[in-house]
Amino acid sequence: MAGTETHIIIDTAHQVMTLHQSQRRNVCYPISTSSYGLGEQTGSYKTPRGRHIVRAKIGQGTPINGVFVGRRYTHEIYSPELGEAYPERDWILTRILWLCGCELGINRLGSVDTMRRFIYIHGTPDSEPMGKPASHGCIRMANKDIIDLFELIQLGCSVTIS
């Protein structure tokens, strides 16, 4: 399946992601975008809008609830006890889809660069709410959903955030 045949639409108003695939049924997932709202500026902790692509897929084969720090699997498995021990962590679990903006001056290059802001679609603890904004800028998904999505898309898959 080529990236042009598959497209992800992230509807921030309804906190839902739809995966459109040619010749297949669309798949919808509940998500959580930034609690700070929408915006592209570096340091804003907001979810960037516009056209993007999946630049990197990270975590193939990592166990469910596997913890990532700096895009590296730490060999920790998230648990409520680990969460209590490190309450300041923004937990990135299971899989990472690293986004890259496609619109110069809007979400690519300079102080609005989605990739340099480390904006991902990623798994999050099961205790985190889906269907309402609660992230620090990324798009959070349930761990089982990010595994499913990870397997359904290819590098270069287009992503529109609106």
N, C-alpha and C. Protein backbone atom coordinates (compact mmCIF):
# COMPACT_ATOMS: atom_id res chain seq x y z
N MET A 1 0.85 -1.18 0.00
CA MET A 1 0.00 0.00 0.00
C MET A 1 0.89 1.24 0.00
N ALA A 2 0.86 2.06 -0.98
CA ALA A 2 1.67 3.27 -1.07
C ALA A 2 1.05 4.38 -0.24
N GLY A 3 1.91 5.34 0.18
CA GLY A 3 1.45 6.44 1.00
C GLY A 3 0.34 7.25 0.36
N THR A 4 0.31 7.32 -0.99
CA THR A 4 -0.72 8.09 -1.67
C THR A 4 -2.07 7.39 -1.63
N GLU A 5 -2.10 6.09 -1.39
CA GLU A 5 -3.36 5.35 -1.33
C GLU A 5 -3.97 5.37 0.06
N THR A 6 -3.20 5.79 1.03
CA THR A 6 -3.63 5.79 2.41
C THR A 6 -3.49 7.21 2.95
N HIS A 7 -4.50 7.67 3.66
CA HIS A 7 -4.48 9.04 4.18
C HIS A 7 -5.11 9.05 5.57
N ILE A 8 -4.48 9.75 6.49
CA ILE A 8 -4.99 9.91 7.85
C ILE A 8 -5.56 11.31 7.99
N ILE A 9 -6.78 11.40 8.50
CA ILE A 9 -7.41 12.69 8.81
C ILE A 9 -7.58 12.75 10.33
N ILE A 10 -7.04 13.80 10.93
CA ILE A 10 -7.19 14.01 12.37
C ILE A 10 -8.13 15.19 12.57
N ASP A 11 -9.29 14.89 13.13
CA ASP A 11 -10.33 15.88 13.39
C ASP A 11 -10.21 16.28 14.87
N THR A 12 -9.57 17.43 15.10
CA THR A 12 -9.31 17.85 16.48
C THR A 12 -10.59 18.30 17.19
N ALA A 13 -11.57 18.80 16.45
CA ALA A 13 -12.82 19.23 17.08
C ALA A 13 -13.56 18.05 17.70
N HIS A 14 -13.51 16.90 17.03
CA HIS A 14 -14.22 15.71 17.51
C HIS A 14 -13.29 14.69 18.17
N GLN A 15 -11.97 14.99 18.17
CA GLN A 15 -10.96 14.11 18.78
C GLN A 15 -11.06 12.69 18.23
N VAL A 16 -11.05 12.62 16.89
CA VAL A 16 -11.11 11.33 16.21
C VAL A 16 -10.15 11.35 15.02
N MET A 17 -9.56 10.20 14.76
CA MET A 17 -8.69 10.00 13.60
C MET A 17 -9.37 9.01 12.68
N THR A 18 -9.36 9.32 11.38
CA THR A 18 -9.91 8.39 10.39
C THR A 18 -8.80 8.02 9.42
N LEU A 19 -8.61 6.72 9.25
CA LEU A 19 -7.67 6.20 8.28
C LEU A 19 -8.45 5.84 7.03
N HIS A 20 -8.18 6.56 5.94
CA HIS A 20 -8.81 6.28 4.65
C HIS A 20 -7.83 5.45 3.83
N GLN A 21 -8.30 4.31 3.33
CA GLN A 21 -7.48 3.42 2.52
C GLN A 21 -8.23 3.08 1.24
N SER A 22 -7.56 3.22 0.10
CA SER A 22 -8.22 2.83 -1.14
C SER A 22 -8.49 1.34 -1.11
N GLN A 23 -9.61 0.95 -1.62
CA GLN A 23 -10.02 -0.45 -1.72
C GLN A 23 -10.30 -1.11 -0.36
N ARG A 24 -10.36 -0.33 0.72
CA ARG A 24 -10.65 -0.89 2.04
C ARG A 24 -11.61 0.03 2.79
N ARG A 25 -12.18 -0.51 3.82
CA ARG A 25 -13.08 0.25 4.67
C ARG A 25 -12.29 1.23 5.54
N ASN A 26 -12.83 2.43 5.75
CA ASN A 26 -12.18 3.41 6.62
C ASN A 26 -12.20 2.91 8.05
N VAL A 27 -11.16 3.28 8.81
CA VAL A 27 -11.04 2.89 10.21
C VAL A 27 -10.98 4.18 11.03
N CYS A 28 -11.75 4.24 12.12
CA CYS A 28 -11.76 5.42 13.00
C CYS A 28 -11.23 5.05 14.37
N TYR A 29 -10.49 5.99 14.97
CA TYR A 29 -9.91 5.79 16.29
C TYR A 29 -10.16 7.03 17.14
N PRO A 30 -10.48 6.87 18.42
CA PRO A 30 -10.50 8.03 19.31
C PRO A 30 -9.06 8.45 19.61
N ILE A 31 -8.84 9.74 19.74
CA ILE A 31 -7.50 10.28 19.99
C ILE A 31 -7.57 11.35 21.07
N SER A 32 -6.40 11.88 21.41
CA SER A 32 -6.29 13.03 22.29
C SER A 32 -5.20 13.94 21.76
N THR A 33 -5.57 15.17 21.42
CA THR A 33 -4.61 16.17 20.96
C THR A 33 -4.27 17.09 22.13
N SER A 34 -3.58 18.18 21.86
CA SER A 34 -3.05 19.04 22.92
C SER A 34 -4.11 19.73 23.77
N SER A 35 -3.87 19.72 25.06
CA SER A 35 -4.73 20.47 25.98
C SER A 35 -4.51 21.98 25.81
N TYR A 36 -3.46 22.39 25.11
CA TYR A 36 -3.16 23.80 24.85
C TYR A 36 -3.82 24.31 23.58
N GLY A 37 -4.46 23.42 22.82
CA GLY A 37 -5.13 23.82 21.59
C GLY A 37 -4.29 23.56 20.36
N LEU A 38 -4.57 24.31 19.31
CA LEU A 38 -3.91 24.13 18.02
C LEU A 38 -2.95 25.27 17.76
N GLY A 39 -1.80 24.93 17.18
CA GLY A 39 -0.82 25.95 16.83
C GLY A 39 0.48 25.32 16.41
N GLU A 40 1.28 26.07 15.71
CA GLU A 40 2.48 25.53 15.10
C GLU A 40 3.78 26.01 15.74
N GLN A 41 3.73 27.02 16.57
CA GLN A 41 4.93 27.66 17.09
C GLN A 41 5.72 26.74 18.02
N THR A 42 7.03 26.70 17.83
CA THR A 42 7.92 25.95 18.71
C THR A 42 7.73 26.43 20.15
N GLY A 43 7.66 25.49 21.08
CA GLY A 43 7.50 25.81 22.49
C GLY A 43 6.08 26.06 22.93
N SER A 44 5.12 25.97 22.02
CA SER A 44 3.72 26.27 22.36
C SER A 44 2.99 25.09 22.99
N TYR A 45 3.51 23.89 22.82
CA TYR A 45 2.85 22.66 23.28
C TYR A 45 1.48 22.47 22.63
N LYS A 46 1.28 23.08 21.48
CA LYS A 46 0.02 22.95 20.74
C LYS A 46 0.17 21.93 19.62
N THR A 47 -0.95 21.35 19.20
CA THR A 47 -0.95 20.40 18.09
C THR A 47 -0.94 21.18 16.78
N PRO A 48 0.04 20.90 15.90
CA PRO A 48 0.12 21.64 14.63
C PRO A 48 -0.96 21.21 13.65
N ARG A 49 -1.40 22.17 12.85
CA ARG A 49 -2.41 21.92 11.83
C ARG A 49 -1.76 21.73 10.47
N GLY A 50 -2.58 21.30 9.52
CA GLY A 50 -2.15 21.25 8.13
C GLY A 50 -1.75 19.88 7.65
N ARG A 51 -1.08 19.90 6.48
CA ARG A 51 -0.67 18.66 5.80
C ARG A 51 0.68 18.20 6.32
N HIS A 52 0.76 16.93 6.63
CA HIS A 52 1.98 16.29 7.13
C HIS A 52 2.16 14.95 6.44
N ILE A 53 3.32 14.34 6.67
CA ILE A 53 3.54 12.95 6.31
C ILE A 53 4.16 12.23 7.50
N VAL A 54 4.04 10.91 7.51
CA VAL A 54 4.73 10.09 8.50
C VAL A 54 6.16 9.94 8.01
N ARG A 55 7.10 10.57 8.71
CA ARG A 55 8.51 10.56 8.32
C ARG A 55 9.25 9.34 8.87
N ALA A 56 8.83 8.85 10.05
CA ALA A 56 9.49 7.69 10.66
C ALA A 56 8.48 6.87 11.43
N LYS A 57 8.67 5.56 11.36
CA LYS A 57 7.87 4.60 12.15
C LYS A 57 8.86 3.95 13.13
N ILE A 58 8.59 4.13 14.41
CA ILE A 58 9.52 3.68 15.45
C ILE A 58 8.81 2.72 16.39
N GLY A 59 9.45 1.59 16.67
CA GLY A 59 8.94 0.69 17.69
C GLY A 59 8.42 -0.64 17.19
N GLN A 60 8.64 -0.97 15.93
CA GLN A 60 8.19 -2.27 15.41
C GLN A 60 8.66 -3.37 16.37
N GLY A 61 7.73 -4.19 16.84
CA GLY A 61 8.08 -5.31 17.71
C GLY A 61 8.22 -4.98 19.18
N THR A 62 8.14 -3.70 19.53
CA THR A 62 8.21 -3.32 20.94
C THR A 62 6.95 -3.83 21.64
N PRO A 63 7.07 -4.34 22.88
CA PRO A 63 5.88 -4.83 23.57
C PRO A 63 4.87 -3.71 23.84
N ILE A 64 3.62 -4.08 23.96
CA ILE A 64 2.59 -3.11 24.34
C ILE A 64 2.98 -2.49 25.67
N ASN A 65 2.81 -1.18 25.79
CA ASN A 65 3.20 -0.38 26.96
C ASN A 65 4.70 -0.22 27.11
N GLY A 66 5.49 -0.59 26.06
CA GLY A 66 6.92 -0.33 26.09
C GLY A 66 7.16 1.17 26.12
N VAL A 67 8.08 1.62 26.96
CA VAL A 67 8.34 3.04 27.20
C VAL A 67 9.44 3.55 26.26
N PHE A 68 9.20 4.72 25.66
CA PHE A 68 10.18 5.40 24.83
C PHE A 68 10.58 6.71 25.48
N VAL A 69 11.89 6.99 25.44
CA VAL A 69 12.43 8.29 25.84
C VAL A 69 13.40 8.69 24.73
N GLY A 70 13.21 9.87 24.18
CA GLY A 70 14.05 10.30 23.07
C GLY A 70 13.98 9.35 21.89
N ARG A 71 12.80 8.78 21.64
CA ARG A 71 12.53 7.85 20.55
C ARG A 71 13.28 6.53 20.68
N ARG A 72 13.79 6.25 21.85
CA ARG A 72 14.48 4.99 22.10
C ARG A 72 13.69 4.18 23.13
N TYR A 73 13.55 2.90 22.86
CA TYR A 73 12.88 1.99 23.79
C TYR A 73 13.78 1.80 25.02
N THR A 74 13.24 2.08 26.19
CA THR A 74 14.03 2.02 27.43
C THR A 74 14.07 0.63 28.06
N HIS A 75 13.31 -0.31 27.53
CA HIS A 75 13.14 -1.66 28.07
C HIS A 75 12.33 -1.65 29.36
N GLU A 76 11.65 -0.53 29.62
CA GLU A 76 10.68 -0.47 30.70
C GLU A 76 9.31 -0.78 30.11
N ILE A 77 8.43 -1.34 30.90
CA ILE A 77 7.04 -1.55 30.53
C ILE A 77 6.21 -0.70 31.48
N TYR A 78 5.40 0.19 30.90
CA TYR A 78 4.60 1.09 31.72
C TYR A 78 3.64 0.31 32.62
N SER A 79 3.54 0.76 33.84
CA SER A 79 2.56 0.26 34.81
C SER A 79 2.12 1.44 35.65
N PRO A 80 0.98 1.34 36.33
CA PRO A 80 0.57 2.44 37.22
C PRO A 80 1.63 2.77 38.27
N GLU A 81 2.34 1.76 38.72
CA GLU A 81 3.40 1.99 39.72
C GLU A 81 4.55 2.81 39.12
N LEU A 82 4.93 2.51 37.87
CA LEU A 82 5.97 3.28 37.20
C LEU A 82 5.49 4.72 36.99
N GLY A 83 4.22 4.87 36.62
CA GLY A 83 3.64 6.20 36.46
C GLY A 83 3.68 7.01 37.74
N GLU A 84 3.40 6.38 38.86
CA GLU A 84 3.47 7.06 40.16
C GLU A 84 4.90 7.42 40.54
N ALA A 85 5.85 6.58 40.16
CA ALA A 85 7.26 6.84 40.47
C ALA A 85 7.83 8.01 39.67
N TYR A 86 7.28 8.25 38.46
CA TYR A 86 7.75 9.32 37.58
C TYR A 86 6.57 10.14 37.08
N PRO A 87 5.91 10.88 37.97
CA PRO A 87 4.69 11.61 37.57
C PRO A 87 4.94 12.74 36.58
N GLU A 88 6.18 13.20 36.45
CA GLU A 88 6.48 14.32 35.55
C GLU A 88 6.65 13.88 34.10
N ARG A 89 6.78 12.59 33.85
CA ARG A 89 7.00 12.10 32.48
C ARG A 89 5.74 12.24 31.63
N ASP A 90 5.96 12.63 30.37
CA ASP A 90 4.90 12.57 29.36
C ASP A 90 5.11 11.23 28.66
N TRP A 91 4.33 10.25 29.02
CA TRP A 91 4.57 8.86 28.61
C TRP A 91 4.32 8.66 27.12
N ILE A 92 5.34 8.16 26.44
CA ILE A 92 5.26 7.80 25.03
C ILE A 92 5.47 6.30 24.98
N LEU A 93 4.42 5.59 24.59
CA LEU A 93 4.41 4.13 24.71
C LEU A 93 4.16 3.43 23.38
N THR A 94 4.62 2.21 23.28
CA THR A 94 4.25 1.18 22.31
C THR A 94 4.77 1.41 20.89
N ARG A 95 4.40 2.50 20.23
CA ARG A 95 4.84 2.83 18.87
C ARG A 95 4.85 4.35 18.72
N ILE A 96 5.69 4.82 17.78
CA ILE A 96 5.78 6.24 17.45
C ILE A 96 5.68 6.40 15.94
N LEU A 97 4.82 7.30 15.50
CA LEU A 97 4.77 7.76 14.11
C LEU A 97 5.19 9.22 14.15
N TRP A 98 6.39 9.51 13.68
CA TRP A 98 6.96 10.86 13.75
C TRP A 98 6.50 11.64 12.53
N LEU A 99 5.87 12.79 12.78
CA LEU A 99 5.29 13.59 11.70
C LEU A 99 6.24 14.66 11.21
N CYS A 100 6.13 14.95 9.91
CA CYS A 100 6.89 16.01 9.26
C CYS A 100 5.90 16.89 8.51
N GLY A 101 5.97 18.20 8.73
CA GLY A 101 5.10 19.13 8.02
C GLY A 101 5.43 19.21 6.54
N CYS A 102 4.44 19.54 5.75
CA CYS A 102 4.61 19.65 4.28
C CYS A 102 4.43 21.07 3.77
N GLU A 103 4.07 22.01 4.64
CA GLU A 103 3.73 23.36 4.20
C GLU A 103 4.76 24.36 4.72
N LEU A 104 5.62 24.83 3.83
CA LEU A 104 6.68 25.77 4.20
C LEU A 104 6.11 26.99 4.90
N GLY A 105 6.71 27.33 6.03
CA GLY A 105 6.29 28.51 6.79
C GLY A 105 5.03 28.30 7.61
N ILE A 106 4.35 27.18 7.42
CA ILE A 106 3.14 26.89 8.18
C ILE A 106 3.42 25.79 9.21
N ASN A 107 4.00 24.68 8.75
CA ASN A 107 4.35 23.60 9.67
C ASN A 107 5.68 22.95 9.30
N ARG A 108 6.44 23.64 8.45
CA ARG A 108 7.74 23.13 8.04
C ARG A 108 8.77 24.25 8.02
N LEU A 109 9.93 23.98 8.60
CA LEU A 109 11.07 24.88 8.69
C LEU A 109 10.83 26.02 9.68
N GLY A 110 11.92 26.65 10.07
CA GLY A 110 11.87 27.77 10.99
C GLY A 110 11.27 27.42 12.34
N SER A 111 10.55 28.37 12.90
CA SER A 111 9.99 28.21 14.25
C SER A 111 8.65 27.48 14.27
N VAL A 112 8.27 26.91 13.12
CA VAL A 112 6.98 26.18 13.04
C VAL A 112 7.17 24.74 12.56
N ASP A 113 8.38 24.21 12.64
CA ASP A 113 8.69 22.90 12.07
C ASP A 113 8.17 21.75 12.94
N THR A 114 7.19 21.03 12.42
CA THR A 114 6.57 19.93 13.15
C THR A 114 7.59 18.87 13.55
N MET A 115 8.47 18.50 12.65
CA MET A 115 9.44 17.45 12.96
C MET A 115 10.43 17.89 14.03
N ARG A 116 10.92 19.11 13.94
CA ARG A 116 11.84 19.63 14.97
C ARG A 116 11.15 19.80 16.32
N ARG A 117 9.83 19.92 16.30
CA ARG A 117 9.06 20.00 17.55
C ARG A 117 8.82 18.61 18.14
N PHE A 118 9.22 17.56 17.43
CA PHE A 118 9.04 16.17 17.88
C PHE A 118 7.56 15.86 18.10
N ILE A 119 6.76 16.16 17.07
CA ILE A 119 5.33 15.86 17.13
C ILE A 119 5.11 14.45 16.57
N TYR A 120 4.48 13.61 17.40
CA TYR A 120 4.25 12.21 17.06
C TYR A 120 2.78 11.86 17.18
N ILE A 121 2.43 10.74 16.57
CA ILE A 121 1.25 9.97 16.94
C ILE A 121 1.83 8.82 17.75
N HIS A 122 1.37 8.64 18.98
CA HIS A 122 1.99 7.62 19.84
C HIS A 122 1.00 7.05 20.83
N GLY A 123 1.39 5.92 21.40
CA GLY A 123 0.59 5.29 22.45
C GLY A 123 0.76 6.02 23.77
N THR A 124 -0.20 5.82 24.66
CA THR A 124 -0.22 6.49 25.96
C THR A 124 -0.80 5.54 26.99
N PRO A 125 -0.59 5.79 28.29
CA PRO A 125 -1.15 4.89 29.29
C PRO A 125 -2.67 4.74 29.14
N ASP A 126 -3.17 3.55 29.44
CA ASP A 126 -4.61 3.27 29.34
C ASP A 126 -5.44 4.19 30.23
N SER A 127 -4.82 4.74 31.27
CA SER A 127 -5.54 5.63 32.18
C SER A 127 -5.76 7.02 31.59
N GLU A 128 -5.06 7.35 30.49
CA GLU A 128 -5.21 8.67 29.87
C GLU A 128 -6.49 8.71 29.04
N PRO A 129 -7.21 9.83 29.10
CA PRO A 129 -8.49 9.90 28.38
C PRO A 129 -8.32 10.04 26.88
N MET A 130 -9.18 9.38 26.15
CA MET A 130 -9.29 9.56 24.71
C MET A 130 -10.57 10.35 24.46
N GLY A 131 -10.63 11.06 23.34
CA GLY A 131 -11.84 11.80 23.02
C GLY A 131 -11.88 13.20 23.61
N LYS A 132 -10.78 13.61 24.27
CA LYS A 132 -10.69 14.98 24.77
C LYS A 132 -9.24 15.42 24.75
N PRO A 133 -8.98 16.70 24.50
CA PRO A 133 -7.60 17.20 24.45
C PRO A 133 -6.91 17.05 25.81
N ALA A 134 -5.75 16.40 25.82
CA ALA A 134 -5.03 16.21 27.08
C ALA A 134 -3.52 16.07 26.88
N SER A 135 -3.03 16.12 25.64
CA SER A 135 -1.60 15.88 25.39
C SER A 135 -0.80 17.17 25.53
N HIS A 136 0.52 17.03 25.31
CA HIS A 136 1.43 18.17 25.33
C HIS A 136 1.79 18.61 23.92
N GLY A 137 0.96 18.27 22.93
CA GLY A 137 1.19 18.67 21.54
C GLY A 137 1.05 17.53 20.56
N CYS A 138 1.42 16.33 20.99
CA CYS A 138 1.33 15.15 20.12
C CYS A 138 -0.10 14.66 20.00
N ILE A 139 -0.29 13.64 19.19
CA ILE A 139 -1.58 12.97 19.06
C ILE A 139 -1.45 11.63 19.77
N ARG A 140 -2.18 11.49 20.86
CA ARG A 140 -2.14 10.27 21.66
C ARG A 140 -3.22 9.31 21.17
N MET A 141 -2.88 8.01 21.27
CA MET A 141 -3.83 6.95 20.93
C MET A 141 -3.73 5.85 21.98
N ALA A 142 -4.80 5.06 22.08
CA ALA A 142 -4.74 3.86 22.91
C ALA A 142 -3.68 2.94 22.32
N ASN A 143 -3.00 2.18 23.16
CA ASN A 143 -1.90 1.34 22.71
C ASN A 143 -2.32 0.31 21.66
N LYS A 144 -3.47 -0.32 21.85
CA LYS A 144 -3.93 -1.30 20.86
C LYS A 144 -4.22 -0.63 19.53
N ASP A 145 -4.69 0.62 19.57
CA ASP A 145 -4.99 1.35 18.34
C ASP A 145 -3.73 1.78 17.59
N ILE A 146 -2.69 2.22 18.33
CA ILE A 146 -1.46 2.63 17.65
C ILE A 146 -0.77 1.42 17.02
N ILE A 147 -0.87 0.25 17.64
CA ILE A 147 -0.32 -0.96 17.03
C ILE A 147 -1.05 -1.25 15.72
N ASP A 148 -2.36 -1.17 15.75
CA ASP A 148 -3.17 -1.41 14.55
C ASP A 148 -2.80 -0.42 13.44
N LEU A 149 -2.79 0.86 13.76
CA LEU A 149 -2.47 1.90 12.78
C LEU A 149 -1.06 1.70 12.22
N PHE A 150 -0.10 1.43 13.09
CA PHE A 150 1.29 1.23 12.70
C PHE A 150 1.41 0.16 11.61
N GLU A 151 0.64 -0.91 11.74
CA GLU A 151 0.69 -2.01 10.78
C GLU A 151 -0.04 -1.68 9.47
N LEU A 152 -0.98 -0.75 9.51
CA LEU A 152 -1.79 -0.43 8.33
C LEU A 152 -1.18 0.62 7.41
N ILE A 153 -0.19 1.37 7.90
CA ILE A 153 0.35 2.47 7.08
C ILE A 153 1.80 2.23 6.71
N GLN A 154 2.24 2.98 5.70
CA GLN A 154 3.63 2.96 5.24
C GLN A 154 4.27 4.31 5.54
N LEU A 155 5.60 4.35 5.52
CA LEU A 155 6.30 5.63 5.58
C LEU A 155 5.79 6.51 4.44
N GLY A 156 5.68 7.80 4.71
CA GLY A 156 5.21 8.73 3.70
C GLY A 156 3.70 8.89 3.67
N CYS A 157 3.00 8.12 4.49
CA CYS A 157 1.54 8.24 4.56
C CYS A 157 1.18 9.69 4.86
N SER A 158 0.22 10.23 4.14
CA SER A 158 -0.18 11.62 4.37
C SER A 158 -1.11 11.71 5.58
N VAL A 159 -0.97 12.82 6.30
CA VAL A 159 -1.73 13.10 7.51
C VAL A 159 -2.20 14.54 7.44
N THR A 160 -3.50 14.74 7.61
CA THR A 160 -4.04 16.10 7.65
C THR A 160 -4.62 16.33 9.05
N ILE A 161 -4.18 17.40 9.69
CA ILE A 161 -4.66 17.76 11.01
C ILE A 161 -5.47 19.04 10.87
N SER A 162 -6.75 18.95 11.24
CA SER A 162 -7.63 20.14 11.12
C SER A 162 -8.49 20.29 12.36
